[in-house]
């Protein structure tokens, strides 16, 4: 299946310039709900915009945006089955909340179904739910694009985050925006009485200290 999406014969280390968007969209359309597909298109668009803004590769960002939820619509049982059989580096944090199961499986699909080899794309898919301490600029961009894309996300929150990015340059804007996202995520998890992964708390604490340093 992989060659239908990515042709990396010339340079296996960098295949983003050869990916077949139409074939990938067809697969996504067949495997995602309509709402999730619309969200995915929104993340692709927003990832491109943010990549351009912060000097990252727009093609890589677009591809990561399209693939970030490629496993989202599998059943929890299927996700767990795939994790158990195929993913050896799973962390227990990733299994505390069913809403994060699709991230490691999404990374696995990106690598094994779609032949993605770029580590930044794979890592951004893996950490787009829980995040991680010390996220790269590229990982931050994909994480934020998932939260603020214009097609399905709440406009008020999107505008709030965009205002933060406008008011703060570079990494300061990204980190401050991420901090707001993690605060809202934790509030939402508490409200719905869902487990909060220790990794989420670790990222929150890291961002808290990072934002404090910017204010000094």
N, C-alpha and C. Protein backbone atom coordinates (compact mmCIF):
# COMPACT_ATOMS: atom_id res chain seq x y z
N UNK A 1 0.82 -1.22 0.00
CA UNK A 1 0.00 0.00 0.00
C UNK A 1 0.85 1.26 0.00
N UNK A 2 2.04 1.18 0.56
CA UNK A 2 2.81 2.41 0.78
C UNK A 2 3.13 3.17 -0.49
N UNK A 3 3.44 2.49 -1.57
CA UNK A 3 3.86 3.20 -2.78
C UNK A 3 2.72 3.98 -3.41
N UNK A 4 1.47 3.72 -3.00
CA UNK A 4 0.36 4.51 -3.50
C UNK A 4 0.40 5.94 -2.95
N UNK A 5 1.09 6.13 -1.83
CA UNK A 5 1.08 7.42 -1.16
C UNK A 5 2.42 8.15 -1.24
N UNK A 6 3.49 7.42 -1.05
CA UNK A 6 4.80 8.03 -0.99
C UNK A 6 5.76 7.30 -1.92
N UNK A 7 6.49 8.06 -2.73
CA UNK A 7 7.52 7.49 -3.57
C UNK A 7 8.86 8.04 -3.11
N UNK A 8 9.60 7.24 -2.37
CA UNK A 8 10.85 7.75 -1.80
C UNK A 8 12.07 7.03 -2.37
N UNK A 9 11.98 6.58 -3.62
CA UNK A 9 13.09 5.86 -4.22
C UNK A 9 14.35 6.72 -4.33
N UNK A 10 14.17 8.01 -4.65
CA UNK A 10 15.34 8.87 -4.89
C UNK A 10 16.05 9.22 -3.60
N UNK A 11 15.31 9.51 -2.56
CA UNK A 11 15.92 9.90 -1.31
C UNK A 11 15.07 9.39 -0.14
N UNK A 12 15.35 8.20 0.36
CA UNK A 12 14.54 7.61 1.42
C UNK A 12 14.48 8.45 2.68
N UNK A 13 15.43 9.35 2.88
CA UNK A 13 15.46 10.14 4.10
C UNK A 13 14.53 11.35 4.02
N UNK A 14 14.09 11.70 2.82
CA UNK A 14 13.24 12.88 2.67
C UNK A 14 12.22 12.62 1.57
N UNK A 15 11.02 12.18 1.96
CA UNK A 15 10.04 11.79 0.94
C UNK A 15 8.85 12.73 0.86
N UNK A 16 8.88 13.85 1.55
CA UNK A 16 7.70 14.71 1.59
C UNK A 16 7.38 15.33 0.25
N UNK A 17 8.39 15.55 -0.60
CA UNK A 17 8.12 16.20 -1.87
C UNK A 17 7.45 15.27 -2.88
N UNK A 18 7.38 13.98 -2.53
CA UNK A 18 6.85 13.01 -3.48
C UNK A 18 5.51 12.43 -3.06
N UNK A 19 4.94 12.93 -1.97
CA UNK A 19 3.72 12.29 -1.49
C UNK A 19 2.52 12.64 -2.37
N UNK A 20 1.65 11.68 -2.50
CA UNK A 20 0.48 11.80 -3.37
C UNK A 20 -0.72 12.22 -2.53
N UNK A 21 -1.04 13.51 -2.55
CA UNK A 21 -2.09 14.04 -1.70
C UNK A 21 -3.44 13.43 -2.03
N UNK A 22 -3.76 13.28 -3.30
CA UNK A 22 -5.07 12.77 -3.69
C UNK A 22 -5.28 11.34 -3.22
N UNK A 23 -4.26 10.51 -3.35
CA UNK A 23 -4.37 9.13 -2.87
C UNK A 23 -4.54 9.10 -1.35
N UNK A 24 -3.80 9.96 -0.67
CA UNK A 24 -3.91 10.00 0.78
C UNK A 24 -5.28 10.49 1.21
N UNK A 25 -5.79 11.52 0.54
CA UNK A 25 -7.12 12.02 0.87
C UNK A 25 -8.18 10.95 0.64
N UNK A 26 -8.03 10.17 -0.41
CA UNK A 26 -8.98 9.09 -0.69
C UNK A 26 -8.98 8.08 0.45
N UNK A 27 -7.79 7.71 0.91
CA UNK A 27 -7.71 6.75 2.02
C UNK A 27 -8.34 7.34 3.28
N UNK A 28 -8.02 8.58 3.58
CA UNK A 28 -8.57 9.22 4.78
C UNK A 28 -10.09 9.32 4.70
N UNK A 29 -10.59 9.67 3.54
CA UNK A 29 -12.04 9.78 3.35
C UNK A 29 -12.72 8.45 3.63
N UNK A 30 -12.06 7.36 3.28
CA UNK A 30 -12.64 6.03 3.46
C UNK A 30 -12.51 5.52 4.90
N UNK A 31 -11.59 6.06 5.67
CA UNK A 31 -11.31 5.52 6.99
C UNK A 31 -11.65 6.45 8.15
N UNK A 32 -12.08 7.67 7.86
CA UNK A 32 -12.46 8.61 8.90
C UNK A 32 -13.93 8.97 8.77
N UNK A 33 -14.53 9.40 9.86
CA UNK A 33 -15.88 9.95 9.78
C UNK A 33 -15.83 11.27 9.03
N UNK A 34 -16.97 11.75 8.58
CA UNK A 34 -17.01 13.02 7.85
C UNK A 34 -16.47 14.15 8.71
N UNK A 35 -16.86 14.18 9.98
CA UNK A 35 -16.40 15.25 10.87
C UNK A 35 -14.89 15.17 11.08
N UNK A 36 -14.35 13.95 11.26
CA UNK A 36 -12.92 13.81 11.47
C UNK A 36 -12.14 14.15 10.20
N UNK A 37 -12.70 13.82 9.05
CA UNK A 37 -12.06 14.16 7.78
C UNK A 37 -12.00 15.67 7.61
N UNK A 38 -13.10 16.35 7.91
CA UNK A 38 -13.12 17.81 7.82
C UNK A 38 -12.10 18.42 8.77
N UNK A 39 -12.03 17.90 9.98
CA UNK A 39 -11.04 18.37 10.96
C UNK A 39 -9.63 18.18 10.42
N UNK A 40 -9.39 17.04 9.80
CA UNK A 40 -8.06 16.72 9.26
C UNK A 40 -7.64 17.71 8.19
N UNK A 41 -8.57 18.07 7.31
CA UNK A 41 -8.27 19.08 6.30
C UNK A 41 -7.94 20.42 6.96
N UNK A 42 -8.66 20.74 8.02
CA UNK A 42 -8.39 21.97 8.74
C UNK A 42 -7.01 21.98 9.37
N UNK A 43 -6.60 20.84 9.92
CA UNK A 43 -5.27 20.75 10.53
C UNK A 43 -4.18 20.88 9.46
N UNK A 44 -4.40 20.27 8.31
CA UNK A 44 -3.45 20.43 7.21
C UNK A 44 -3.26 21.91 6.87
N UNK A 45 -4.37 22.63 6.72
CA UNK A 45 -4.30 24.05 6.37
C UNK A 45 -3.59 24.86 7.45
N UNK A 46 -3.98 24.62 8.69
CA UNK A 46 -3.41 25.39 9.80
C UNK A 46 -1.94 25.06 9.99
N UNK A 47 -1.57 23.80 9.81
CA UNK A 47 -0.17 23.39 9.94
C UNK A 47 0.69 24.10 8.90
N UNK A 48 0.17 24.22 7.68
CA UNK A 48 0.89 24.96 6.64
C UNK A 48 1.10 26.42 7.06
N UNK A 49 0.05 27.03 7.54
CA UNK A 49 0.11 28.44 7.93
C UNK A 49 1.14 28.66 9.04
N UNK A 50 1.08 27.79 10.06
CA UNK A 50 2.01 27.94 11.18
C UNK A 50 3.44 27.62 10.77
N UNK A 51 3.61 26.63 9.90
CA UNK A 51 4.95 26.30 9.43
C UNK A 51 5.58 27.47 8.69
N UNK A 52 4.80 28.11 7.84
CA UNK A 52 5.29 29.28 7.12
C UNK A 52 5.66 30.39 8.09
N UNK A 53 4.84 30.56 9.09
CA UNK A 53 5.04 31.63 10.05
C UNK A 53 6.31 31.42 10.88
N UNK A 54 6.61 30.16 11.21
CA UNK A 54 7.73 29.88 12.10
C UNK A 54 8.92 29.23 11.40
N UNK A 55 8.94 29.30 10.07
CA UNK A 55 10.11 28.88 9.32
C UNK A 55 10.32 27.38 9.25
N UNK A 56 9.26 26.62 9.37
CA UNK A 56 9.36 25.17 9.24
C UNK A 56 8.92 24.73 7.84
N UNK A 57 9.22 23.51 7.48
CA UNK A 57 8.89 22.97 6.16
C UNK A 57 7.37 22.82 6.01
N UNK A 58 6.79 23.57 5.08
CA UNK A 58 5.34 23.56 4.92
C UNK A 58 4.80 22.22 4.42
N UNK A 59 5.54 21.56 3.53
CA UNK A 59 5.10 20.27 3.02
C UNK A 59 5.09 19.21 4.13
N UNK A 60 6.12 19.21 4.92
CA UNK A 60 6.16 18.27 6.04
C UNK A 60 5.03 18.54 7.02
N UNK A 61 4.79 19.80 7.30
CA UNK A 61 3.73 20.16 8.23
C UNK A 61 2.37 19.74 7.70
N UNK A 62 2.14 19.97 6.40
CA UNK A 62 0.87 19.58 5.79
C UNK A 62 0.67 18.07 5.87
N UNK A 63 1.73 17.32 5.58
CA UNK A 63 1.63 15.87 5.63
C UNK A 63 1.38 15.37 7.04
N UNK A 64 2.07 15.96 8.01
CA UNK A 64 1.84 15.59 9.41
C UNK A 64 0.42 15.92 9.82
N UNK A 65 -0.08 17.07 9.35
CA UNK A 65 -1.46 17.44 9.67
C UNK A 65 -2.47 16.45 9.12
N UNK A 66 -2.24 16.01 7.91
CA UNK A 66 -3.17 15.04 7.31
C UNK A 66 -3.11 13.68 8.01
N UNK A 67 -1.95 13.31 8.50
CA UNK A 67 -1.79 11.98 9.07
C UNK A 67 -2.00 11.92 10.58
N UNK A 68 -2.11 13.06 11.24
CA UNK A 68 -2.09 13.05 12.70
C UNK A 68 -3.21 12.22 13.31
N UNK A 69 -4.38 12.17 12.68
CA UNK A 69 -5.53 11.41 13.20
C UNK A 69 -5.87 10.21 12.32
N UNK A 70 -4.90 9.69 11.58
CA UNK A 70 -5.21 8.62 10.62
C UNK A 70 -5.76 7.37 11.30
N UNK A 71 -5.45 7.17 12.59
CA UNK A 71 -5.95 6.00 13.31
C UNK A 71 -7.11 6.34 14.26
N UNK A 72 -7.58 7.56 14.21
CA UNK A 72 -8.54 8.05 15.20
C UNK A 72 -9.85 7.27 15.21
N UNK A 73 -10.31 6.80 14.08
CA UNK A 73 -11.64 6.21 14.00
C UNK A 73 -11.65 4.69 14.14
N UNK A 74 -10.51 4.10 14.48
CA UNK A 74 -10.51 2.70 14.84
C UNK A 74 -11.14 2.52 16.22
N UNK A 75 -11.71 1.37 16.47
CA UNK A 75 -12.28 1.10 17.79
C UNK A 75 -11.16 1.02 18.82
N UNK A 76 -11.49 1.26 20.08
CA UNK A 76 -10.49 1.16 21.14
C UNK A 76 -9.88 -0.24 21.19
N UNK A 77 -10.71 -1.25 20.96
CA UNK A 77 -10.20 -2.63 20.96
C UNK A 77 -9.16 -2.84 19.86
N UNK A 78 -9.45 -2.30 18.68
CA UNK A 78 -8.52 -2.44 17.56
C UNK A 78 -7.23 -1.66 17.83
N UNK A 79 -7.37 -0.47 18.40
CA UNK A 79 -6.19 0.31 18.74
C UNK A 79 -5.30 -0.43 19.73
N UNK A 80 -5.92 -0.98 20.77
CA UNK A 80 -5.16 -1.71 21.78
C UNK A 80 -4.53 -2.97 21.21
N UNK A 81 -5.25 -3.62 20.32
CA UNK A 81 -4.71 -4.81 19.66
C UNK A 81 -3.46 -4.46 18.85
N UNK A 82 -3.53 -3.35 18.12
CA UNK A 82 -2.39 -2.91 17.33
C UNK A 82 -1.22 -2.53 18.22
N UNK A 83 -1.50 -1.82 19.29
CA UNK A 83 -0.45 -1.43 20.23
C UNK A 83 0.24 -2.66 20.81
N UNK A 84 -0.56 -3.63 21.23
CA UNK A 84 -0.01 -4.84 21.85
C UNK A 84 0.85 -5.63 20.87
N UNK A 85 0.42 -5.70 19.61
CA UNK A 85 1.12 -6.52 18.63
C UNK A 85 2.31 -5.81 17.98
N UNK A 86 2.18 -4.51 17.78
CA UNK A 86 3.13 -3.83 16.90
C UNK A 86 4.02 -2.78 17.54
N UNK A 87 3.60 -2.21 18.65
CA UNK A 87 4.32 -1.05 19.18
C UNK A 87 5.06 -1.44 20.45
N UNK A 88 6.36 -1.50 20.35
CA UNK A 88 7.18 -2.00 21.45
C UNK A 88 7.59 -0.92 22.44
N UNK A 89 7.57 0.34 22.01
CA UNK A 89 8.06 1.41 22.88
C UNK A 89 6.92 2.16 23.55
N UNK A 90 5.79 1.52 23.73
CA UNK A 90 4.63 2.20 24.32
C UNK A 90 4.91 2.52 25.79
N UNK A 91 4.49 3.69 26.20
CA UNK A 91 4.61 4.11 27.59
C UNK A 91 3.25 3.96 28.25
N UNK A 92 3.25 3.57 29.51
CA UNK A 92 1.98 3.36 30.21
C UNK A 92 1.13 4.64 30.25
N UNK A 93 1.79 5.80 30.18
CA UNK A 93 1.05 7.06 30.13
C UNK A 93 0.09 7.12 28.95
N UNK A 94 0.49 6.51 27.84
CA UNK A 94 -0.30 6.57 26.63
C UNK A 94 -1.54 5.68 26.67
N UNK A 95 -1.65 4.87 27.72
CA UNK A 95 -2.77 3.94 27.83
C UNK A 95 -3.71 4.26 28.98
N UNK A 96 -3.46 5.35 29.68
CA UNK A 96 -4.31 5.70 30.81
C UNK A 96 -5.66 6.26 30.38
N UNK A 97 -5.70 6.88 29.22
CA UNK A 97 -6.92 7.50 28.73
C UNK A 97 -7.16 7.04 27.30
N UNK A 98 -8.32 6.47 27.04
CA UNK A 98 -8.61 5.91 25.71
C UNK A 98 -8.49 6.95 24.59
N UNK A 99 -8.60 8.24 24.93
CA UNK A 99 -8.56 9.27 23.91
C UNK A 99 -7.15 9.48 23.33
N UNK A 100 -6.16 8.87 23.96
CA UNK A 100 -4.80 9.02 23.45
C UNK A 100 -4.30 7.77 22.72
N UNK A 101 -5.11 6.73 22.66
CA UNK A 101 -4.67 5.48 22.03
C UNK A 101 -4.26 5.67 20.57
N UNK A 102 -4.96 6.59 19.87
CA UNK A 102 -4.74 6.70 18.43
C UNK A 102 -3.40 7.34 18.05
N UNK A 103 -2.77 8.03 19.00
CA UNK A 103 -1.51 8.72 18.66
C UNK A 103 -0.37 7.74 18.36
N UNK A 104 -0.07 6.80 19.25
CA UNK A 104 1.00 5.85 18.89
C UNK A 104 0.65 4.98 17.69
N UNK A 105 -0.63 4.63 17.54
CA UNK A 105 -1.04 3.84 16.38
C UNK A 105 -0.93 4.70 15.12
N UNK A 106 -1.26 5.97 15.22
CA UNK A 106 -1.12 6.88 14.09
C UNK A 106 0.33 6.98 13.63
N UNK A 107 1.26 7.05 14.58
CA UNK A 107 2.67 7.06 14.22
C UNK A 107 3.05 5.75 13.52
N UNK A 108 2.55 4.64 14.05
CA UNK A 108 2.84 3.33 13.45
C UNK A 108 2.29 3.26 12.02
N UNK A 109 1.06 3.73 11.81
CA UNK A 109 0.48 3.74 10.47
C UNK A 109 1.28 4.63 9.53
N UNK A 110 1.66 5.81 10.02
CA UNK A 110 2.42 6.74 9.17
C UNK A 110 3.71 6.09 8.67
N UNK A 111 4.34 5.35 9.54
CA UNK A 111 5.61 4.72 9.16
C UNK A 111 5.41 3.48 8.31
N UNK A 112 4.41 2.66 8.65
CA UNK A 112 4.29 1.35 8.02
C UNK A 112 3.25 1.26 6.91
N UNK A 113 2.22 2.09 6.96
CA UNK A 113 1.24 2.13 5.87
C UNK A 113 1.60 3.17 4.83
N UNK A 114 2.14 4.31 5.30
CA UNK A 114 2.38 5.43 4.39
C UNK A 114 3.86 5.70 4.14
N UNK A 115 4.71 4.85 4.70
CA UNK A 115 6.14 4.89 4.38
C UNK A 115 6.83 6.19 4.78
N UNK A 116 6.35 6.84 5.81
CA UNK A 116 6.98 8.07 6.30
C UNK A 116 8.25 7.71 7.07
N UNK A 117 9.32 8.42 6.79
CA UNK A 117 10.59 8.17 7.47
C UNK A 117 11.09 9.38 8.25
N UNK A 118 10.56 10.56 7.98
CA UNK A 118 11.03 11.76 8.67
C UNK A 118 10.65 11.70 10.15
N UNK A 119 11.67 11.79 10.99
CA UNK A 119 11.44 11.63 12.42
C UNK A 119 10.56 12.74 12.99
N UNK A 120 10.66 13.95 12.43
CA UNK A 120 9.86 15.05 12.98
C UNK A 120 8.38 14.85 12.69
N UNK A 121 8.05 14.30 11.53
CA UNK A 121 6.64 14.01 11.23
C UNK A 121 6.13 12.92 12.16
N UNK A 122 6.89 11.85 12.30
CA UNK A 122 6.47 10.73 13.14
C UNK A 122 6.31 11.17 14.60
N UNK A 123 7.27 11.93 15.10
CA UNK A 123 7.21 12.34 16.50
C UNK A 123 6.06 13.31 16.76
N UNK A 124 5.76 14.16 15.77
CA UNK A 124 4.66 15.11 15.95
C UNK A 124 3.32 14.40 15.98
N UNK A 125 3.18 13.32 15.24
CA UNK A 125 1.96 12.52 15.30
C UNK A 125 1.86 11.84 16.66
N UNK A 126 2.97 11.29 17.11
CA UNK A 126 2.99 10.56 18.38
C UNK A 126 2.64 11.46 19.56
N UNK A 127 3.09 12.72 19.54
CA UNK A 127 2.90 13.57 20.72
C UNK A 127 1.81 14.63 20.53
N UNK A 128 0.94 14.46 19.54
CA UNK A 128 -0.08 15.50 19.33
C UNK A 128 -1.22 15.44 20.34
N UNK A 129 -1.26 14.40 21.18
CA UNK A 129 -2.30 14.33 22.22
C UNK A 129 -1.73 14.69 23.59
N UNK A 130 -0.70 13.99 24.00
CA UNK A 130 -0.12 14.21 25.33
C UNK A 130 0.94 15.30 25.33
N UNK A 131 1.51 15.59 24.16
CA UNK A 131 2.66 16.47 24.13
C UNK A 131 3.85 15.77 24.76
N UNK A 132 4.92 16.52 24.98
CA UNK A 132 6.07 15.98 25.70
C UNK A 132 6.95 17.14 26.14
N UNK A 133 7.70 16.91 27.18
CA UNK A 133 8.62 17.94 27.66
C UNK A 133 9.69 18.16 26.60
N UNK A 134 9.97 19.42 26.30
CA UNK A 134 11.01 19.75 25.33
C UNK A 134 10.58 19.59 23.88
N UNK A 135 9.31 19.81 23.60
CA UNK A 135 8.82 19.69 22.22
C UNK A 135 9.58 20.61 21.28
N UNK A 136 9.80 20.13 20.07
CA UNK A 136 10.45 20.95 19.04
C UNK A 136 9.44 21.95 18.48
N UNK A 137 9.94 22.92 17.73
CA UNK A 137 9.05 23.88 17.08
C UNK A 137 8.06 23.17 16.17
N UNK A 138 8.54 22.19 15.41
CA UNK A 138 7.66 21.46 14.51
C UNK A 138 6.57 20.72 15.28
N UNK A 139 6.92 20.07 16.36
CA UNK A 139 5.93 19.36 17.18
C UNK A 139 4.91 20.32 17.78
N UNK A 140 5.37 21.48 18.21
CA UNK A 140 4.46 22.49 18.75
C UNK A 140 3.46 22.94 17.69
N UNK A 141 3.93 23.12 16.47
CA UNK A 141 3.08 23.57 15.37
C UNK A 141 1.96 22.58 15.09
N UNK A 142 2.29 21.30 15.02
CA UNK A 142 1.27 20.29 14.75
C UNK A 142 0.30 20.18 15.91
N UNK A 143 0.81 20.25 17.13
CA UNK A 143 -0.05 20.21 18.30
C UNK A 143 -1.05 21.37 18.27
N UNK A 144 -0.56 22.58 18.01
CA UNK A 144 -1.43 23.74 17.99
C UNK A 144 -2.40 23.70 16.81
N UNK A 145 -1.94 23.25 15.66
CA UNK A 145 -2.83 23.17 14.50
C UNK A 145 -4.03 22.28 14.79
N UNK A 146 -3.79 21.20 15.53
CA UNK A 146 -4.87 20.30 15.92
C UNK A 146 -5.89 21.01 16.80
N UNK A 147 -5.43 21.94 17.61
CA UNK A 147 -6.31 22.63 18.56
C UNK A 147 -7.06 23.81 17.96
N UNK A 148 -6.49 24.46 16.93
CA UNK A 148 -7.06 25.74 16.49
C UNK A 148 -7.42 25.78 15.01
N UNK A 149 -7.45 24.63 14.32
CA UNK A 149 -7.83 24.67 12.90
C UNK A 149 -9.22 25.29 12.76
N UNK A 150 -9.44 25.93 11.62
CA UNK A 150 -10.62 26.79 11.45
C UNK A 150 -11.89 26.06 11.04
N UNK A 151 -11.79 24.81 10.65
CA UNK A 151 -12.97 24.13 10.10
C UNK A 151 -13.92 23.57 11.16
N UNK A 152 -13.36 23.09 12.28
CA UNK A 152 -14.23 22.46 13.28
C UNK A 152 -14.00 22.95 14.70
N UNK A 153 -12.91 23.63 14.96
CA UNK A 153 -12.62 24.05 16.32
C UNK A 153 -13.40 25.32 16.69
N UNK A 154 -13.53 25.54 17.97
CA UNK A 154 -14.28 26.68 18.49
C UNK A 154 -13.60 27.99 18.07
N UNK A 155 -14.31 28.86 17.34
CA UNK A 155 -13.70 30.10 16.85
C UNK A 155 -13.15 30.99 17.97
N UNK A 156 -13.86 31.05 19.08
CA UNK A 156 -13.43 31.92 20.17
C UNK A 156 -12.06 31.48 20.71
N UNK A 157 -11.89 30.17 20.88
CA UNK A 157 -10.60 29.68 21.37
C UNK A 157 -9.51 29.88 20.32
N UNK A 158 -9.85 29.63 19.07
CA UNK A 158 -8.88 29.84 17.99
C UNK A 158 -8.38 31.28 17.99
N UNK A 159 -9.30 32.22 18.09
CA UNK A 159 -8.91 33.63 18.07
C UNK A 159 -8.06 33.99 19.29
N UNK A 160 -8.35 33.36 20.41
CA UNK A 160 -7.57 33.60 21.62
C UNK A 160 -6.13 33.16 21.43
N UNK A 161 -5.95 31.98 20.86
CA UNK A 161 -4.60 31.46 20.64
C UNK A 161 -3.86 32.28 19.58
N UNK A 162 -4.55 32.63 18.50
CA UNK A 162 -3.92 33.43 17.46
C UNK A 162 -3.49 34.79 17.99
N UNK A 163 -4.28 35.35 18.89
CA UNK A 163 -3.92 36.64 19.50
C UNK A 163 -2.63 36.50 20.32
N UNK A 164 -2.50 35.38 21.02
CA UNK A 164 -1.28 35.13 21.79
C UNK A 164 -0.08 35.02 20.87
N UNK A 165 -0.25 34.34 19.75
CA UNK A 165 0.85 34.21 18.80
C UNK A 165 1.22 35.55 18.19
N UNK A 166 0.22 36.40 17.96
CA UNK A 166 0.48 37.73 17.39
C UNK A 166 1.20 38.63 18.38
N UNK A 167 0.90 38.46 19.66
CA UNK A 167 1.44 39.34 20.69
C UNK A 167 2.84 38.94 21.15
N UNK A 168 3.22 37.70 20.85
CA UNK A 168 4.50 37.19 21.34
C UNK A 168 5.28 36.55 20.18
N UNK A 169 6.51 36.94 20.02
CA UNK A 169 7.30 36.45 18.90
C UNK A 169 7.87 35.06 19.16
N UNK A 170 8.06 34.32 18.09
CA UNK A 170 8.80 33.07 18.11
C UNK A 170 8.33 32.05 19.13
N UNK A 171 9.33 31.44 19.80
CA UNK A 171 9.03 30.36 20.75
C UNK A 171 8.20 30.86 21.93
N UNK A 172 8.35 32.11 22.28
CA UNK A 172 7.56 32.65 23.39
C UNK A 172 6.07 32.54 23.07
N UNK A 173 5.69 32.88 21.85
CA UNK A 173 4.30 32.77 21.46
C UNK A 173 3.82 31.34 21.44
N UNK A 174 4.64 30.45 20.86
CA UNK A 174 4.27 29.04 20.80
C UNK A 174 4.13 28.44 22.19
N UNK A 175 5.09 28.71 23.05
CA UNK A 175 5.05 28.12 24.40
C UNK A 175 3.89 28.68 25.22
N UNK A 176 3.62 29.96 25.08
CA UNK A 176 2.50 30.55 25.81
C UNK A 176 1.18 29.99 25.32
N UNK A 177 1.06 29.82 24.01
CA UNK A 177 -0.15 29.24 23.43
C UNK A 177 -0.32 27.78 23.88
N UNK A 178 0.76 27.03 23.88
CA UNK A 178 0.70 25.65 24.35
C UNK A 178 0.28 25.57 25.81
N UNK A 179 0.80 26.48 26.60
CA UNK A 179 0.45 26.50 28.03
C UNK A 179 -1.05 26.69 28.21
N UNK A 180 -1.64 27.59 27.45
CA UNK A 180 -3.08 27.80 27.51
C UNK A 180 -3.82 26.52 27.10
N UNK A 181 -3.34 25.87 26.06
CA UNK A 181 -3.97 24.63 25.60
C UNK A 181 -3.94 23.55 26.67
N UNK A 182 -2.81 23.42 27.34
CA UNK A 182 -2.71 22.38 28.37
C UNK A 182 -3.57 22.72 29.59
N UNK A 183 -3.68 23.99 29.93
CA UNK A 183 -4.58 24.37 31.02
C UNK A 183 -6.01 23.99 30.69
N UNK A 184 -6.43 24.27 29.47
CA UNK A 184 -7.79 23.96 29.07
C UNK A 184 -8.01 22.45 28.98
N UNK A 185 -7.00 21.72 28.54
CA UNK A 185 -7.11 20.26 28.46
C UNK A 185 -7.30 19.66 29.84
N UNK A 186 -6.51 20.11 30.79
CA UNK A 186 -6.62 19.59 32.15
C UNK A 186 -7.98 19.92 32.75
N UNK A 187 -8.45 21.14 32.53
CA UNK A 187 -9.79 21.51 33.01
C UNK A 187 -10.86 20.59 32.42
N UNK A 188 -10.75 20.31 31.13
CA UNK A 188 -11.73 19.47 30.45
C UNK A 188 -11.70 18.04 30.99
N UNK A 189 -10.51 17.51 31.21
CA UNK A 189 -10.39 16.15 31.73
C UNK A 189 -10.99 16.04 33.14
N UNK A 190 -10.73 17.04 33.95
CA UNK A 190 -11.30 17.06 35.31
C UNK A 190 -12.82 17.12 35.25
N UNK A 191 -13.33 17.99 34.39
CA UNK A 191 -14.77 18.15 34.26
C UNK A 191 -15.45 16.86 33.84
N UNK A 192 -14.80 16.11 32.94
CA UNK A 192 -15.39 14.86 32.43
C UNK A 192 -14.99 13.64 33.25
N UNK A 193 -14.24 13.88 34.33
CA UNK A 193 -13.78 12.80 35.21
C UNK A 193 -13.02 11.72 34.45
N UNK A 194 -12.10 12.18 33.58
CA UNK A 194 -11.23 11.29 32.84
C UNK A 194 -9.82 11.33 33.45
N UNK A 195 -9.10 10.25 33.30
CA UNK A 195 -7.75 10.17 33.85
C UNK A 195 -6.84 11.21 33.22
N UNK A 196 -5.99 11.81 34.04
CA UNK A 196 -4.98 12.73 33.55
C UNK A 196 -3.64 12.02 33.57
N UNK A 197 -3.05 11.87 32.42
CA UNK A 197 -1.77 11.16 32.32
C UNK A 197 -0.67 11.97 33.03
N UNK A 198 0.18 11.32 33.77
CA UNK A 198 1.30 12.03 34.38
C UNK A 198 2.13 12.82 33.37
N UNK A 199 2.21 12.30 32.15
CA UNK A 199 2.96 13.03 31.11
C UNK A 199 2.35 14.40 30.84
N UNK A 200 1.03 14.49 30.90
CA UNK A 200 0.35 15.77 30.69
C UNK A 200 0.72 16.75 31.79
N UNK A 201 0.77 16.27 33.02
CA UNK A 201 1.16 17.11 34.14
C UNK A 201 2.61 17.56 33.98
N UNK A 202 3.47 16.64 33.54
CA UNK A 202 4.87 16.99 33.33
C UNK A 202 5.01 18.11 32.29
N UNK A 203 4.26 18.00 31.20
CA UNK A 203 4.34 19.03 30.15
C UNK A 203 3.79 20.35 30.68
N UNK A 204 2.69 20.29 31.41
CA UNK A 204 2.11 21.50 32.00
C UNK A 204 3.15 22.20 32.89
N UNK A 205 3.80 21.43 33.76
CA UNK A 205 4.79 22.01 34.67
C UNK A 205 5.97 22.60 33.91
N UNK A 206 6.40 21.91 32.86
CA UNK A 206 7.49 22.42 32.02
C UNK A 206 7.10 23.74 31.37
N UNK A 207 5.89 23.80 30.82
CA UNK A 207 5.42 25.02 30.17
C UNK A 207 5.22 26.14 31.18
N UNK A 208 4.74 25.80 32.37
CA UNK A 208 4.56 26.79 33.42
C UNK A 208 5.88 27.48 33.74
N UNK A 209 6.93 26.70 33.92
CA UNK A 209 8.23 27.27 34.22
C UNK A 209 8.80 28.04 33.03
N UNK A 210 8.54 27.53 31.83
CA UNK A 210 9.03 28.20 30.62
C UNK A 210 8.39 29.57 30.46
N UNK A 211 7.09 29.63 30.64
CA UNK A 211 6.37 30.90 30.51
C UNK A 211 6.80 31.87 31.60
N UNK A 212 7.03 31.38 32.79
CA UNK A 212 7.51 32.23 33.89
C UNK A 212 8.85 32.88 33.53
N UNK A 213 9.72 32.10 32.88
CA UNK A 213 11.02 32.63 32.50
C UNK A 213 10.88 33.76 31.48
N UNK A 214 9.92 33.65 30.60
CA UNK A 214 9.70 34.71 29.61
C UNK A 214 9.28 36.02 30.28
N UNK A 215 8.61 35.90 31.41
CA UNK A 215 8.08 37.08 32.09
C UNK A 215 9.11 37.81 32.95
N UNK A 216 10.25 37.16 33.16
CA UNK A 216 11.26 37.79 34.01
C UNK A 216 11.96 38.94 33.30
